[in-house]
Protein backbone atom coordinates (compact mmCIF):
# COMPACT_ATOMS: atom_id res chain seq x y z
CA MET A 1 -26.75 50.36 54.92
CA ALA A 2 -28.07 51.12 51.46
CA ASP A 3 -31.94 51.12 51.03
CA LEU A 4 -33.12 48.32 48.87
CA THR A 5 -35.52 49.62 46.48
CA LEU A 6 -37.24 48.08 43.39
CA ASP A 7 -34.89 50.01 41.10
CA THR A 8 -31.77 48.85 42.93
CA VAL A 9 -32.97 45.28 42.66
CA THR A 10 -33.86 45.63 39.04
CA ASP A 11 -30.59 47.23 38.21
CA THR A 12 -28.68 44.47 40.01
CA ALA A 13 -30.69 41.80 38.33
CA ARG A 14 -30.11 43.44 34.92
CA ASP A 15 -26.33 43.72 35.67
CA ALA A 16 -26.29 40.04 36.70
CA PHE A 17 -28.05 39.05 33.46
CA TYR A 18 -25.71 41.05 31.33
CA ILE A 19 -22.71 39.56 33.12
CA THR A 20 -24.09 36.10 32.54
CA VAL A 21 -24.64 36.73 28.86
CA GLY A 22 -21.18 38.27 28.47
CA ALA A 23 -19.61 35.31 30.14
CA GLY A 24 -21.62 33.00 27.92
CA VAL A 25 -20.51 34.92 24.83
CA ILE A 26 -16.87 34.77 25.93
CA ALA A 27 -17.12 30.98 26.64
CA PHE A 28 -18.65 30.48 23.20
CA GLN A 29 -15.93 32.33 21.55
CA LYS A 30 -13.26 30.43 23.38
CA LEU A 31 -14.86 27.15 22.15
CA GLN A 32 -14.97 28.48 18.62
CA VAL A 33 -11.29 29.28 18.75
CA GLN A 34 -10.44 25.77 20.22
CA ARG A 35 -12.58 24.18 17.47
CA VAL A 36 -10.78 26.01 14.80
CA GLU A 37 -7.29 25.17 16.32
CA LEU A 38 -8.31 21.62 16.70
CA THR A 39 -9.63 21.46 13.07
CA LYS A 40 -6.18 22.96 11.99
CA ALA A 41 -4.27 20.47 14.03
CA ILE A 42 -6.17 17.42 12.76
CA THR A 43 -6.04 18.71 9.17
CA THR A 44 -2.31 19.04 9.53
CA GLN A 45 -1.90 15.60 10.98
CA LEU A 46 -3.94 14.07 8.20
CA ASP A 47 -2.10 15.87 5.60
CA ASP A 48 1.18 14.51 7.10
CA ALA A 49 -0.32 11.08 7.37
CA LYS A 50 -1.37 11.19 3.72
CA GLY A 51 2.02 12.36 2.71
CA THR A 52 3.72 9.59 4.59
CA ALA A 53 1.22 7.06 3.16
CA ASN A 54 1.90 8.25 -0.36
CA ASP A 55 5.65 8.13 0.14
CA SER A 56 5.40 4.56 1.54
CA LEU A 57 3.16 3.59 -1.40
CA ALA A 58 5.79 5.06 -3.87
CA THR A 59 8.60 3.18 -2.16
CA ALA A 60 6.60 -0.09 -2.03
CA LYS A 61 5.86 0.32 -5.78
CA ALA A 62 9.51 1.02 -6.65
CA GLN A 63 10.61 -1.99 -4.64
CA LEU A 64 7.92 -4.17 -6.35
CA ASP A 65 9.01 -2.97 -9.70
CA SER A 66 12.68 -3.79 -8.92
CA ALA A 67 11.69 -7.19 -7.67
CA SER A 68 9.64 -7.87 -10.74
CA GLY A 69 12.49 -6.91 -12.91
CA LEU A 70 14.77 -9.29 -11.03
CA VAL A 71 12.30 -12.09 -11.34
CA ASP A 72 11.98 -11.47 -15.04
CA GLU A 73 15.77 -11.68 -15.34
CA ARG A 74 16.06 -14.81 -13.48
CA VAL A 75 13.22 -16.49 -15.41
CA LYS A 76 14.98 -15.54 -18.70
CA LEU A 77 18.24 -16.94 -17.34
CA LEU A 78 16.42 -20.23 -16.30
CA GLU A 79 14.80 -20.46 -19.77
CA GLU A 80 18.20 -20.12 -21.48
CA ARG A 81 19.72 -22.69 -19.25
CA LEU A 82 16.84 -25.03 -19.81
CA SER A 83 17.16 -24.60 -23.53
CA ASN A 84 20.85 -25.26 -23.36
CA LEU A 85 20.12 -28.33 -21.28
CA GLU A 86 17.45 -29.58 -23.66
CA GLY A 87 19.92 -29.15 -26.60
CA ARG A 88 22.61 -31.06 -24.75
CA LEU A 89 20.16 -33.84 -23.89
CA GLU A 90 18.91 -33.94 -27.49
CA ALA A 91 22.54 -34.27 -28.62
CA LEU A 92 23.05 -37.05 -26.13
CA LEU A 93 20.02 -38.97 -27.06
CA ASN A 94 20.99 -38.68 -30.67
CA GLN A 95 24.45 -40.06 -29.99
CA LEU A 96 22.80 -42.93 -27.98
CA GLU A 97 20.35 -43.50 -30.52
CA GLY A 98 23.09 -43.83 -33.11
CA LYS A 99 24.83 -46.60 -31.19
CA LEU A 100 21.56 -48.70 -30.73
CA PRO A 101 20.52 -51.54 -32.93
CA GLU A 102 17.84 -50.85 -35.51
CA GLN A 103 14.97 -52.32 -33.40
CA ALA A 104 16.02 -50.33 -30.33
CA LYS A 105 16.36 -47.15 -32.47
CA ASP A 106 12.69 -47.44 -33.54
CA LEU A 107 11.61 -47.83 -29.84
CA VAL A 108 13.56 -44.90 -28.67
CA LYS A 109 12.24 -42.87 -31.63
CA GLN A 110 8.62 -43.73 -30.64
CA ALA A 111 9.35 -42.91 -27.02
CA ARG A 112 10.87 -39.57 -27.96
CA ASP A 113 7.90 -38.82 -30.24
CA LEU A 114 5.50 -39.65 -27.30
CA VAL A 115 7.26 -37.29 -24.95
CA GLY A 116 7.37 -34.67 -27.54
CA ARG A 117 3.73 -34.70 -28.03
CA ALA A 118 3.09 -34.76 -24.04
CA ALA A 119 5.18 -31.69 -23.73
């Protein structure tokens, strides 16, 4: 059996200390590598999510623009039809007014004036 001397114990303790420090350094380096890899992975995922969100936003905007254009077209068509209907009603009312006696014509004219002011 080897003799245990103070030098042997000191050398063994120093070697154990160096091994512990070396293991700690290696563990720290592994954590640093994992941190960098995780940062890259998260950055990539965030960039992908941002791209997807931007694409979705662009699609939604295009659809909204399309729907807005369609609504504008429908409103114009409705305005045209209402204008045509108003013209036809005016013509019918004028015909009806022409067939009425004078007193009734005055009443109808007053009523049409009131309606015209209310609109």
